[in-house]
Amino acid sequence: MIQKQRDKTWIDESGMSIPYARTTPAERLKERHTAKLATSFEKYRAMGETVKGLAKKLCEDAYQADMRDKGVEPSDKKGSYTFFNFDRSIKVERSVHGNPTYDMATIEAAKIKFDEYLNNNLTTSEDFIKEMVKEAFESRGGKLDKNRINKLIRYRTRTKNQTFIQACDLLSTAVRYPSKSIYYRVWTRDEDGKYKNIDVQFSSL
């Protein structure tokens, strides 16, 4: 409760009524300043929630459109996803942190696509990809290694082979995060060609 000068009595933390005349100048100043800061922080939080909601919707819209454009049926998962504007001067990232599980039917479909790529397109210079694929689908303690999976998916941008791209897209849609934290980040490219995060953390302002 915010108490003001016009109030004849103020209520302290124990519920006792204290005459305004008995309050000190420091107590009155702190009352005003805490009120201003609480109101400002509430507005800041509300704006942040609005922007986060916008980021969530627009990232999902872009993901759905991107997957359809690549001929892959979008899933309802909310995994990590990065996209750019047309000249790649802006990068938007949805980053998911947590322990993933995988839809094994989709994993199997991705494996079939990778096998098709390895059987039909592999050249001597790409022999290392075979080992990368093999490692990605090996389980440790009955679980797939997310770092190996992500390493293979990241290689997607380094090839124009459509079979390999389709396999990576399937692999990226197979992930599920039963328990997760999701972060949204926006980056702009500076004059040196490096991406700089638009940091909205309070400590960076």
N, C-alpha and C. Protein backbone atom coordinates (compact mmCIF):
# COMPACT_ATOMS: atom_id res chain seq x y z
N MET A 1 0.85 -1.19 0.00
CA MET A 1 0.00 0.00 0.00
C MET A 1 0.89 1.25 0.00
N ILE A 2 0.58 2.16 -0.90
CA ILE A 2 1.33 3.41 -0.97
C ILE A 2 0.63 4.46 -0.11
N GLN A 3 1.38 5.05 0.80
CA GLN A 3 0.81 6.04 1.71
C GLN A 3 1.32 7.43 1.33
N LYS A 4 0.44 8.42 1.45
CA LYS A 4 0.74 9.77 0.94
C LYS A 4 0.64 10.81 2.05
N GLN A 5 1.11 11.99 1.71
CA GLN A 5 1.15 13.08 2.68
C GLN A 5 -0.24 13.46 3.17
N ARG A 6 -1.22 13.33 2.29
CA ARG A 6 -2.58 13.72 2.69
C ARG A 6 -3.22 12.74 3.68
N ASP A 7 -2.63 11.56 3.82
CA ASP A 7 -3.16 10.60 4.79
C ASP A 7 -2.78 11.06 6.20
N LYS A 8 -3.76 11.13 7.08
CA LYS A 8 -3.50 11.60 8.44
C LYS A 8 -2.67 10.62 9.24
N THR A 9 -2.85 9.33 8.94
CA THR A 9 -2.05 8.31 9.64
C THR A 9 -1.48 7.34 8.61
N TRP A 10 -0.33 6.78 8.94
CA TRP A 10 0.29 5.75 8.12
C TRP A 10 0.27 4.44 8.89
N ILE A 11 0.17 3.35 8.16
CA ILE A 11 0.14 2.03 8.78
C ILE A 11 1.51 1.39 8.64
N ASP A 12 2.09 0.93 9.77
CA ASP A 12 3.41 0.29 9.69
C ASP A 12 3.26 -1.21 9.45
N GLU A 13 4.41 -1.94 9.42
CA GLU A 13 4.38 -3.37 9.07
C GLU A 13 3.63 -4.22 10.08
N SER A 14 3.45 -3.71 11.31
CA SER A 14 2.72 -4.48 12.32
C SER A 14 1.24 -4.17 12.33
N GLY A 15 0.83 -3.23 11.45
CA GLY A 15 -0.59 -2.86 11.38
C GLY A 15 -0.96 -1.71 12.27
N MET A 16 0.01 -1.12 12.95
CA MET A 16 -0.28 -0.01 13.85
C MET A 16 -0.43 1.30 13.06
N SER A 17 -1.32 2.15 13.50
CA SER A 17 -1.54 3.46 12.89
C SER A 17 -0.58 4.47 13.50
N ILE A 18 0.20 5.12 12.65
CA ILE A 18 1.17 6.12 13.11
C ILE A 18 0.76 7.48 12.55
N PRO A 19 0.58 8.51 13.40
CA PRO A 19 0.24 9.83 12.88
C PRO A 19 1.30 10.31 11.88
N TYR A 20 0.84 10.92 10.80
CA TYR A 20 1.76 11.38 9.77
C TYR A 20 2.83 12.31 10.35
N ALA A 21 2.45 13.14 11.29
CA ALA A 21 3.39 14.10 11.88
C ALA A 21 4.55 13.42 12.59
N ARG A 22 4.38 12.14 12.94
CA ARG A 22 5.44 11.43 13.65
C ARG A 22 6.39 10.70 12.70
N THR A 23 6.08 10.73 11.41
CA THR A 23 7.01 10.11 10.44
C THR A 23 8.16 11.07 10.16
N THR A 24 9.30 10.52 9.80
CA THR A 24 10.50 11.34 9.57
C THR A 24 10.60 11.72 8.09
N PRO A 25 11.36 12.76 7.75
CA PRO A 25 11.58 13.13 6.35
C PRO A 25 12.14 11.97 5.53
N ALA A 26 13.05 11.18 6.13
CA ALA A 26 13.63 10.04 5.41
C ALA A 26 12.56 9.00 5.11
N GLU A 27 11.68 8.74 6.07
CA GLU A 27 10.61 7.76 5.85
C GLU A 27 9.67 8.22 4.75
N ARG A 28 9.37 9.52 4.69
CA ARG A 28 8.48 10.05 3.65
C ARG A 28 9.14 9.96 2.28
N LEU A 29 10.43 10.29 2.23
CA LEU A 29 11.16 10.21 0.96
C LEU A 29 11.19 8.77 0.45
N LYS A 30 11.48 7.84 1.34
CA LYS A 30 11.54 6.42 0.94
C LYS A 30 10.18 5.91 0.49
N GLU A 31 9.13 6.43 1.10
CA GLU A 31 7.77 6.04 0.68
C GLU A 31 7.53 6.48 -0.76
N ARG A 32 7.92 7.71 -1.10
CA ARG A 32 7.73 8.21 -2.46
C ARG A 32 8.58 7.45 -3.47
N HIS A 33 9.84 7.22 -3.10
CA HIS A 33 10.77 6.59 -4.04
C HIS A 33 10.43 5.11 -4.27
N THR A 34 10.04 4.41 -3.22
CA THR A 34 9.67 3.00 -3.41
C THR A 34 8.42 2.90 -4.28
N ALA A 35 7.49 3.85 -4.11
CA ALA A 35 6.27 3.85 -4.92
C ALA A 35 6.60 4.06 -6.39
N LYS A 36 7.49 5.04 -6.67
CA LYS A 36 7.86 5.32 -8.06
C LYS A 36 8.57 4.13 -8.70
N LEU A 37 9.48 3.52 -7.96
CA LEU A 37 10.23 2.40 -8.51
C LEU A 37 9.34 1.17 -8.72
N ALA A 38 8.46 0.90 -7.76
CA ALA A 38 7.56 -0.24 -7.91
C ALA A 38 6.67 -0.08 -9.14
N THR A 39 6.14 1.13 -9.33
CA THR A 39 5.29 1.40 -10.49
C THR A 39 6.08 1.27 -11.79
N SER A 40 7.30 1.82 -11.80
CA SER A 40 8.14 1.76 -12.99
C SER A 40 8.52 0.32 -13.34
N PHE A 41 8.87 -0.46 -12.32
CA PHE A 41 9.27 -1.84 -12.57
C PHE A 41 8.08 -2.67 -13.05
N GLU A 42 6.90 -2.41 -12.54
CA GLU A 42 5.71 -3.13 -13.01
C GLU A 42 5.46 -2.84 -14.48
N LYS A 43 5.62 -1.57 -14.88
CA LYS A 43 5.44 -1.21 -16.29
C LYS A 43 6.51 -1.87 -17.16
N TYR A 44 7.74 -1.89 -16.66
CA TYR A 44 8.85 -2.51 -17.38
C TYR A 44 8.59 -4.00 -17.57
N ARG A 45 8.10 -4.65 -16.52
CA ARG A 45 7.81 -6.07 -16.59
C ARG A 45 6.67 -6.34 -17.58
N ALA A 46 5.63 -5.52 -17.52
CA ALA A 46 4.50 -5.70 -18.43
C ALA A 46 4.94 -5.54 -19.88
N MET A 47 5.80 -4.55 -20.14
CA MET A 47 6.32 -4.36 -21.50
C MET A 47 7.16 -5.56 -21.92
N GLY A 48 7.98 -6.07 -20.99
CA GLY A 48 8.79 -7.23 -21.29
C GLY A 48 7.95 -8.45 -21.62
N GLU A 49 6.86 -8.64 -20.88
CA GLU A 49 5.98 -9.77 -21.16
C GLU A 49 5.33 -9.63 -22.53
N THR A 50 4.98 -8.40 -22.90
CA THR A 50 4.38 -8.16 -24.22
C THR A 50 5.38 -8.48 -25.32
N VAL A 51 6.62 -8.00 -25.16
CA VAL A 51 7.66 -8.24 -26.17
C VAL A 51 7.99 -9.74 -26.25
N LYS A 52 8.05 -10.42 -25.10
CA LYS A 52 8.32 -11.85 -25.11
C LYS A 52 7.21 -12.61 -25.83
N GLY A 53 5.97 -12.21 -25.58
CA GLY A 53 4.85 -12.85 -26.27
C GLY A 53 4.94 -12.64 -27.78
N LEU A 54 5.34 -11.44 -28.19
CA LEU A 54 5.51 -11.15 -29.61
C LEU A 54 6.63 -12.01 -30.19
N ALA A 55 7.75 -12.11 -29.48
CA ALA A 55 8.87 -12.93 -29.94
C ALA A 55 8.46 -14.39 -30.09
N LYS A 56 7.70 -14.88 -29.13
CA LYS A 56 7.24 -16.27 -29.17
C LYS A 56 6.39 -16.53 -30.40
N LYS A 57 5.45 -15.63 -30.68
CA LYS A 57 4.55 -15.80 -31.82
C LYS A 57 5.29 -15.68 -33.15
N LEU A 58 6.14 -14.66 -33.28
CA LEU A 58 6.81 -14.43 -34.55
C LEU A 58 7.86 -15.49 -34.85
N CYS A 59 8.54 -15.97 -33.82
CA CYS A 59 9.49 -17.06 -34.03
C CYS A 59 8.78 -18.33 -34.49
N GLU A 60 7.64 -18.61 -33.89
CA GLU A 60 6.89 -19.80 -34.28
C GLU A 60 6.33 -19.65 -35.69
N ASP A 61 5.83 -18.46 -36.03
CA ASP A 61 5.33 -18.22 -37.38
C ASP A 61 6.43 -18.45 -38.42
N ALA A 62 7.64 -17.91 -38.12
CA ALA A 62 8.76 -18.06 -39.04
C ALA A 62 9.18 -19.52 -39.16
N TYR A 63 9.20 -20.23 -38.03
CA TYR A 63 9.57 -21.65 -38.04
C TYR A 63 8.60 -22.46 -38.89
N GLN A 64 7.31 -22.25 -38.67
CA GLN A 64 6.30 -22.99 -39.43
C GLN A 64 6.44 -22.72 -40.92
N ALA A 65 6.60 -21.44 -41.30
CA ALA A 65 6.73 -21.10 -42.71
C ALA A 65 8.02 -21.67 -43.30
N ASP A 66 9.09 -21.63 -42.52
CA ASP A 66 10.38 -22.14 -42.98
C ASP A 66 10.33 -23.63 -43.24
N MET A 67 9.74 -24.38 -42.34
CA MET A 67 9.65 -25.83 -42.51
C MET A 67 8.80 -26.19 -43.73
N ARG A 68 7.68 -25.49 -43.92
CA ARG A 68 6.83 -25.78 -45.09
C ARG A 68 7.56 -25.43 -46.38
N ASP A 69 8.33 -24.33 -46.34
CA ASP A 69 9.07 -23.92 -47.53
C ASP A 69 10.12 -24.95 -47.91
N LYS A 70 10.61 -25.70 -46.90
CA LYS A 70 11.61 -26.73 -47.15
C LYS A 70 10.99 -28.09 -47.40
N GLY A 71 9.66 -28.14 -47.45
CA GLY A 71 8.97 -29.39 -47.74
C GLY A 71 8.88 -30.33 -46.56
N VAL A 72 9.02 -29.79 -45.35
CA VAL A 72 8.92 -30.60 -44.13
C VAL A 72 7.68 -30.19 -43.37
N GLU A 73 6.92 -31.16 -42.93
CA GLU A 73 5.72 -30.87 -42.15
C GLU A 73 6.13 -30.35 -40.78
N PRO A 74 5.74 -29.14 -40.42
CA PRO A 74 6.14 -28.58 -39.12
C PRO A 74 5.58 -29.39 -37.97
N SER A 75 6.33 -29.48 -36.90
CA SER A 75 5.85 -30.15 -35.70
C SER A 75 5.39 -29.10 -34.70
N ASP A 76 4.81 -29.56 -33.61
CA ASP A 76 4.36 -28.62 -32.58
C ASP A 76 5.42 -28.45 -31.49
N LYS A 77 6.63 -28.96 -31.73
CA LYS A 77 7.67 -28.79 -30.73
C LYS A 77 8.17 -27.36 -30.73
N LYS A 78 8.78 -26.97 -29.65
CA LYS A 78 9.31 -25.61 -29.52
C LYS A 78 10.80 -25.70 -29.26
N GLY A 79 11.54 -26.21 -30.24
CA GLY A 79 12.98 -26.35 -30.10
C GLY A 79 13.71 -25.08 -30.49
N SER A 80 15.03 -25.15 -30.43
CA SER A 80 15.84 -24.01 -30.83
C SER A 80 15.65 -23.74 -32.32
N TYR A 81 15.69 -22.46 -32.66
CA TYR A 81 15.46 -22.07 -34.06
C TYR A 81 16.07 -20.70 -34.28
N THR A 82 16.73 -20.52 -35.41
CA THR A 82 17.35 -19.25 -35.76
C THR A 82 16.94 -18.86 -37.17
N PHE A 83 16.60 -17.59 -37.36
CA PHE A 83 16.30 -17.13 -38.71
C PHE A 83 16.80 -15.70 -38.90
N PHE A 84 16.90 -15.29 -40.16
CA PHE A 84 17.49 -14.01 -40.53
C PHE A 84 16.55 -13.22 -41.42
N ASN A 85 16.81 -11.92 -41.51
CA ASN A 85 16.12 -11.13 -42.54
C ASN A 85 16.82 -11.37 -43.87
N PHE A 86 16.33 -10.74 -44.94
CA PHE A 86 16.76 -11.09 -46.29
C PHE A 86 18.25 -10.85 -46.51
N ASP A 87 18.80 -9.74 -46.01
CA ASP A 87 20.23 -9.48 -46.21
C ASP A 87 21.07 -9.95 -45.03
N ARG A 88 20.45 -10.69 -44.11
CA ARG A 88 21.11 -11.30 -42.96
C ARG A 88 21.77 -10.27 -42.04
N SER A 89 21.23 -9.06 -42.01
CA SER A 89 21.74 -8.04 -41.09
C SER A 89 21.10 -8.16 -39.72
N ILE A 90 20.01 -8.93 -39.62
CA ILE A 90 19.34 -9.17 -38.34
C ILE A 90 19.18 -10.67 -38.15
N LYS A 91 19.56 -11.13 -36.98
CA LYS A 91 19.41 -12.54 -36.63
C LYS A 91 18.50 -12.67 -35.42
N VAL A 92 17.54 -13.58 -35.50
CA VAL A 92 16.62 -13.83 -34.39
C VAL A 92 16.81 -15.27 -33.95
N GLU A 93 16.91 -15.46 -32.65
CA GLU A 93 17.20 -16.78 -32.12
C GLU A 93 16.21 -17.16 -31.03
N ARG A 94 15.66 -18.36 -31.17
CA ARG A 94 14.90 -18.98 -30.09
C ARG A 94 15.79 -20.10 -29.55
N SER A 95 16.24 -19.93 -28.32
CA SER A 95 17.20 -20.87 -27.73
C SER A 95 16.53 -21.65 -26.61
N VAL A 96 16.55 -22.96 -26.74
CA VAL A 96 15.91 -23.83 -25.76
C VAL A 96 16.98 -24.54 -24.93
N HIS A 97 16.87 -24.41 -23.62
CA HIS A 97 17.81 -25.07 -22.72
C HIS A 97 17.06 -26.09 -21.88
N GLY A 98 17.60 -27.26 -21.82
CA GLY A 98 16.97 -28.33 -21.05
C GLY A 98 17.48 -29.67 -21.54
N ASN A 99 16.97 -30.74 -20.98
CA ASN A 99 17.36 -32.08 -21.40
C ASN A 99 16.36 -32.60 -22.42
N PRO A 100 16.81 -32.78 -23.67
CA PRO A 100 15.87 -33.17 -24.71
C PRO A 100 15.58 -34.67 -24.73
N THR A 101 14.41 -35.01 -25.25
CA THR A 101 14.10 -36.38 -25.63
C THR A 101 13.80 -36.33 -27.13
N TYR A 102 13.76 -37.50 -27.75
CA TYR A 102 13.59 -37.52 -29.20
C TYR A 102 12.46 -38.45 -29.61
N ASP A 103 11.70 -37.98 -30.61
CA ASP A 103 10.66 -38.81 -31.20
C ASP A 103 11.37 -39.82 -32.11
N MET A 104 11.35 -41.09 -31.72
CA MET A 104 12.17 -42.08 -32.39
C MET A 104 11.69 -42.37 -33.81
N ALA A 105 10.41 -42.19 -34.07
CA ALA A 105 9.92 -42.40 -35.44
C ALA A 105 10.52 -41.36 -36.38
N THR A 106 10.60 -40.11 -35.91
CA THR A 106 11.19 -39.04 -36.71
C THR A 106 12.70 -39.23 -36.83
N ILE A 107 13.34 -39.71 -35.75
CA ILE A 107 14.76 -40.03 -35.80
C ILE A 107 15.02 -41.09 -36.86
N GLU A 108 14.18 -42.10 -36.91
CA GLU A 108 14.35 -43.16 -37.89
C GLU A 108 14.18 -42.63 -39.32
N ALA A 109 13.21 -41.73 -39.50
CA ALA A 109 13.01 -41.13 -40.82
C ALA A 109 14.22 -40.31 -41.24
N ALA A 110 14.81 -39.58 -40.28
CA ALA A 110 16.02 -38.81 -40.57
C ALA A 110 17.17 -39.73 -40.92
N LYS A 111 17.30 -40.84 -40.19
CA LYS A 111 18.37 -41.80 -40.46
C LYS A 111 18.25 -42.37 -41.87
N ILE A 112 17.04 -42.65 -42.31
CA ILE A 112 16.82 -43.17 -43.67
C ILE A 112 17.28 -42.15 -44.70
N LYS A 113 16.98 -40.86 -44.46
CA LYS A 113 17.39 -39.80 -45.38
C LYS A 113 18.92 -39.67 -45.40
N PHE A 114 19.54 -39.75 -44.24
CA PHE A 114 21.00 -39.66 -44.18
C PHE A 114 21.64 -40.84 -44.92
N ASP A 115 21.07 -42.03 -44.74
CA ASP A 115 21.59 -43.21 -45.44
C ASP A 115 21.47 -43.04 -46.95
N GLU A 116 20.35 -42.45 -47.37
CA GLU A 116 20.15 -42.20 -48.80
C GLU A 116 21.22 -41.25 -49.32
N TYR A 117 21.51 -40.22 -48.54
CA TYR A 117 22.56 -39.26 -48.93
C TYR A 117 23.92 -39.93 -49.00
N LEU A 118 24.24 -40.73 -47.98
CA LEU A 118 25.55 -41.38 -47.93
C LEU A 118 25.73 -42.37 -49.07
N ASN A 119 24.67 -43.05 -49.43
CA ASN A 119 24.75 -44.06 -50.49
C ASN A 119 24.84 -43.46 -51.88
N ASN A 120 24.27 -42.27 -52.07
CA ASN A 120 24.17 -41.73 -53.43
C ASN A 120 25.07 -40.53 -53.70
N ASN A 121 25.50 -39.84 -52.69
CA ASN A 121 26.15 -38.56 -52.94
C ASN A 121 27.52 -38.39 -52.30
N LEU A 122 27.93 -39.32 -51.48
CA LEU A 122 29.15 -39.12 -50.73
C LEU A 122 30.38 -39.17 -51.64
N THR A 123 31.23 -38.18 -51.52
CA THR A 123 32.49 -38.15 -52.26
C THR A 123 33.64 -38.39 -51.28
N THR A 124 34.82 -38.59 -51.82
CA THR A 124 35.98 -38.86 -50.97
C THR A 124 36.22 -37.72 -49.98
N SER A 125 36.01 -36.50 -50.45
CA SER A 125 36.25 -35.34 -49.59
C SER A 125 35.22 -35.21 -48.46
N GLU A 126 34.14 -35.98 -48.55
CA GLU A 126 33.08 -35.90 -47.55
C GLU A 126 33.02 -37.13 -46.66
N ASP A 127 34.09 -37.92 -46.65
CA ASP A 127 34.11 -39.14 -45.84
C ASP A 127 33.86 -38.86 -44.36
N PHE A 128 34.30 -37.69 -43.90
CA PHE A 128 34.14 -37.37 -42.48
C PHE A 128 32.67 -37.27 -42.08
N ILE A 129 31.80 -36.98 -43.06
CA ILE A 129 30.37 -36.86 -42.77
C ILE A 129 29.81 -38.21 -42.34
N LYS A 130 30.32 -39.27 -42.95
CA LYS A 130 29.84 -40.61 -42.59
C LYS A 130 30.05 -40.88 -41.11
N GLU A 131 31.22 -40.50 -40.61
CA GLU A 131 31.52 -40.71 -39.19
C GLU A 131 30.65 -39.80 -38.32
N MET A 132 30.39 -38.56 -38.81
CA MET A 132 29.54 -37.63 -38.07
C MET A 132 28.12 -38.17 -37.93
N VAL A 133 27.61 -38.74 -39.02
CA VAL A 133 26.26 -39.32 -38.99
C VAL A 133 26.22 -40.52 -38.07
N LYS A 134 27.23 -41.37 -38.17
CA LYS A 134 27.29 -42.57 -37.32
C LYS A 134 27.29 -42.19 -35.85
N GLU A 135 28.12 -41.20 -35.49
CA GLU A 135 28.21 -40.79 -34.09
C GLU A 135 26.91 -40.17 -33.60
N ALA A 136 26.23 -39.41 -34.48
CA ALA A 136 24.99 -38.73 -34.08
C ALA A 136 23.91 -39.71 -33.66
N PHE A 137 23.89 -40.89 -34.29
CA PHE A 137 22.82 -41.85 -34.01
C PHE A 137 23.23 -42.93 -33.02
N GLU A 138 24.44 -42.81 -32.48
CA GLU A 138 24.84 -43.74 -31.42
C GLU A 138 24.26 -43.26 -30.10
N SER A 139 23.80 -44.18 -29.30
CA SER A 139 23.22 -43.80 -28.00
C SER A 139 24.23 -44.03 -26.89
N ARG A 140 24.11 -43.19 -25.86
CA ARG A 140 24.92 -43.33 -24.67
C ARG A 140 23.99 -43.57 -23.50
N GLY A 141 24.12 -44.71 -22.90
CA GLY A 141 23.22 -45.04 -21.81
C GLY A 141 21.78 -45.09 -22.26
N GLY A 142 21.57 -45.49 -23.52
CA GLY A 142 20.21 -45.58 -24.05
C GLY A 142 19.64 -44.26 -24.53
N LYS A 143 20.47 -43.18 -24.53
CA LYS A 143 20.00 -41.87 -24.96
C LYS A 143 20.91 -41.32 -26.05
N LEU A 144 20.31 -40.55 -26.96
CA LEU A 144 21.09 -39.89 -28.00
C LEU A 144 21.84 -38.71 -27.38
N ASP A 145 23.00 -38.42 -27.92
CA ASP A 145 23.82 -37.31 -27.43
C ASP A 145 23.38 -36.03 -28.15
N LYS A 146 22.82 -35.09 -27.40
CA LYS A 146 22.29 -33.88 -28.03
C LYS A 146 23.38 -33.05 -28.70
N ASN A 147 24.60 -33.09 -28.17
CA ASN A 147 25.69 -32.32 -28.78
C ASN A 147 26.04 -32.87 -30.16
N ARG A 148 26.04 -34.19 -30.30
CA ARG A 148 26.32 -34.80 -31.60
C ARG A 148 25.18 -34.53 -32.58
N ILE A 149 23.96 -34.60 -32.07
CA ILE A 149 22.80 -34.30 -32.92
C ILE A 149 22.87 -32.86 -33.41
N ASN A 150 23.13 -31.94 -32.50
CA ASN A 150 23.20 -30.52 -32.86
C ASN A 150 24.35 -30.23 -33.81
N LYS A 151 25.47 -30.92 -33.63
CA LYS A 151 26.62 -30.74 -34.52
C LYS A 151 26.25 -31.12 -35.94
N LEU A 152 25.53 -32.21 -36.09
CA LEU A 152 25.11 -32.65 -37.42
C LEU A 152 24.11 -31.69 -38.03
N ILE A 153 23.17 -31.20 -37.22
CA ILE A 153 22.17 -30.25 -37.72
C ILE A 153 22.84 -28.96 -38.18
N ARG A 154 23.83 -28.50 -37.43
CA ARG A 154 24.52 -27.25 -37.80
C ARG A 154 25.23 -27.35 -39.15
N TYR A 155 25.60 -28.57 -39.54
CA TYR A 155 26.28 -28.74 -40.82
C TYR A 155 25.34 -28.51 -41.99
N ARG A 156 24.06 -28.43 -41.71
CA ARG A 156 23.04 -28.24 -42.74
C ARG A 156 23.31 -27.02 -43.62
N THR A 157 23.79 -25.94 -43.02
CA THR A 157 23.99 -24.70 -43.77
C THR A 157 25.22 -24.75 -44.67
N ARG A 158 26.01 -25.83 -44.59
CA ARG A 158 27.24 -25.92 -45.37
C ARG A 158 27.09 -26.79 -46.61
N THR A 159 25.88 -27.18 -46.93
CA THR A 159 25.65 -27.99 -48.11
C THR A 159 24.40 -27.54 -48.83
N LYS A 160 24.35 -27.81 -50.12
CA LYS A 160 23.16 -27.51 -50.91
C LYS A 160 22.43 -28.79 -51.30
N ASN A 161 22.93 -29.92 -50.83
CA ASN A 161 22.30 -31.20 -51.16
C ASN A 161 20.95 -31.31 -50.47
N GLN A 162 19.90 -31.45 -51.25
CA GLN A 162 18.55 -31.42 -50.69
C GLN A 162 18.25 -32.63 -49.81
N THR A 163 18.81 -33.78 -50.14
CA THR A 163 18.57 -34.96 -49.30
C THR A 163 19.17 -34.77 -47.91
N PHE A 164 20.38 -34.21 -47.88
CA PHE A 164 21.03 -33.94 -46.59
C PHE A 164 20.25 -32.89 -45.81
N ILE A 165 19.79 -31.84 -46.49
CA ILE A 165 19.01 -30.79 -45.85
C ILE A 165 17.72 -31.34 -45.27
N GLN A 166 17.04 -32.20 -46.05
CA GLN A 166 15.79 -32.81 -45.56
C GLN A 166 16.05 -33.67 -44.33
N ALA A 167 17.17 -34.38 -44.34
CA ALA A 167 17.52 -35.23 -43.20
C ALA A 167 17.75 -34.37 -41.95
N CYS A 168 18.46 -33.26 -42.12
CA CYS A 168 18.71 -32.36 -40.98
C CYS A 168 17.41 -31.74 -40.47
N ASP A 169 16.52 -31.38 -41.39
CA ASP A 169 15.24 -30.80 -40.97
C ASP A 169 14.42 -31.80 -40.18
N LEU A 170 14.43 -33.06 -40.62
CA LEU A 170 13.73 -34.10 -39.86
C LEU A 170 14.36 -34.26 -38.48
N LEU A 171 15.67 -34.25 -38.45
CA LEU A 171 16.37 -34.41 -37.19
C LEU A 171 16.04 -33.28 -36.22
N SER A 172 15.95 -32.07 -36.76
CA SER A 172 15.66 -30.91 -35.90
C SER A 172 14.23 -30.94 -35.37
N THR A 173 13.31 -31.58 -36.10
CA THR A 173 11.92 -31.64 -35.64
C THR A 173 11.68 -32.80 -34.68
N ALA A 174 12.69 -33.66 -34.49
CA ALA A 174 12.49 -34.85 -33.65
C ALA A 174 12.65 -34.55 -32.17
N VAL A 175 13.25 -33.41 -31.85
CA VAL A 175 13.57 -33.11 -30.45
C VAL A 175 12.34 -32.67 -29.67
N ARG A 176 12.27 -33.10 -28.42
CA ARG A 176 11.23 -32.67 -27.48
C ARG A 176 11.91 -32.25 -26.19
N TYR A 177 11.34 -31.24 -25.54
CA TYR A 177 11.90 -30.77 -24.27
C TYR A 177 10.81 -30.82 -23.20
N PRO A 178 10.70 -31.94 -22.48
CA PRO A 178 9.67 -32.04 -21.42
C PRO A 178 9.83 -30.97 -20.35
N SER A 179 11.09 -30.64 -20.03
CA SER A 179 11.38 -29.59 -19.05
C SER A 179 12.40 -28.65 -19.67
N LYS A 180 12.04 -27.39 -19.83
CA LYS A 180 12.91 -26.51 -20.59
C LYS A 180 12.75 -25.06 -20.18
N SER A 181 13.75 -24.28 -20.57
CA SER A 181 13.70 -22.82 -20.48
C SER A 181 13.93 -22.29 -21.88
N ILE A 182 13.16 -21.30 -22.28
CA ILE A 182 13.26 -20.76 -23.63
C ILE A 182 13.69 -19.30 -23.56
N TYR A 183 14.69 -18.95 -24.35
CA TYR A 183 15.19 -17.58 -24.40
C TYR A 183 15.08 -17.07 -25.83
N TYR A 184 14.74 -15.81 -25.95
CA TYR A 184 14.64 -15.17 -27.27
C TYR A 184 15.69 -14.07 -27.35
N ARG A 185 16.46 -14.06 -28.44
CA ARG A 185 17.51 -13.06 -28.61
C ARG A 185 17.46 -12.50 -30.02
N VAL A 186 17.81 -11.23 -30.14
CA VAL A 186 17.88 -10.56 -31.44
C VAL A 186 19.27 -9.97 -31.58
N TRP A 187 19.86 -10.17 -32.76
CA TRP A 187 21.21 -9.71 -33.03
C TRP A 187 21.19 -8.82 -34.27
N THR A 188 22.02 -7.79 -34.29
CA THR A 188 22.19 -6.97 -35.49
C THR A 188 23.65 -7.03 -35.91
N ARG A 189 23.89 -7.00 -37.21
CA ARG A 189 25.24 -7.09 -37.73
C ARG A 189 25.87 -5.71 -37.82
N ASP A 190 27.06 -5.57 -37.27
CA ASP A 190 27.72 -4.27 -37.28
C ASP A 190 28.52 -4.08 -38.57
N GLU A 191 29.21 -2.97 -38.69
CA GLU A 191 29.93 -2.65 -39.92
C GLU A 191 31.11 -3.58 -40.18
N ASP A 192 31.54 -4.32 -39.14
CA ASP A 192 32.62 -5.30 -39.32
C ASP A 192 32.09 -6.69 -39.67
N GLY A 193 30.76 -6.80 -39.81
CA GLY A 193 30.15 -8.08 -40.17
C GLY A 193 29.91 -9.01 -39.00
N LYS A 194 30.09 -8.49 -37.78
CA LYS A 194 29.87 -9.31 -36.60
C LYS A 194 28.49 -9.02 -36.00
N TYR A 195 27.86 -10.06 -35.47
CA TYR A 195 26.54 -9.90 -34.87
C TYR A 195 26.67 -9.46 -33.42
N LYS A 196 25.91 -8.44 -33.07
CA LYS A 196 25.90 -7.91 -31.72
C LYS A 196 24.50 -8.09 -31.12
N ASN A 197 24.47 -8.75 -29.98
CA ASN A 197 23.20 -9.01 -29.32
C ASN A 197 22.57 -7.73 -28.79
N ILE A 198 21.28 -7.55 -29.04
CA ILE A 198 20.54 -6.44 -28.43
C ILE A 198 20.18 -6.90 -27.02
N ASP A 199 21.03 -6.59 -26.08
CA ASP A 199 20.90 -7.11 -24.72
C ASP A 199 19.86 -6.31 -23.94
N VAL A 200 18.81 -6.99 -23.50
CA VAL A 200 17.74 -6.31 -22.76
C VAL A 200 17.80 -6.66 -21.27
N GLN A 201 18.89 -7.32 -20.85
CA GLN A 201 19.04 -7.58 -19.43
C GLN A 201 19.24 -6.25 -18.70
N PHE A 202 18.64 -6.11 -17.54
CA PHE A 202 18.68 -4.85 -16.82
C PHE A 202 20.12 -4.42 -16.52
N SER A 203 21.00 -5.39 -16.25
CA SER A 203 22.37 -5.09 -15.90
C SER A 203 23.16 -4.49 -17.05
N SER A 204 22.68 -4.69 -18.28
CA SER A 204 23.43 -4.18 -19.45
C SER A 204 22.98 -2.80 -19.89
N LEU A 205 21.93 -2.27 -19.28
CA LEU A 205 21.40 -0.97 -19.71
C LEU A 205 22.22 0.18 -19.14
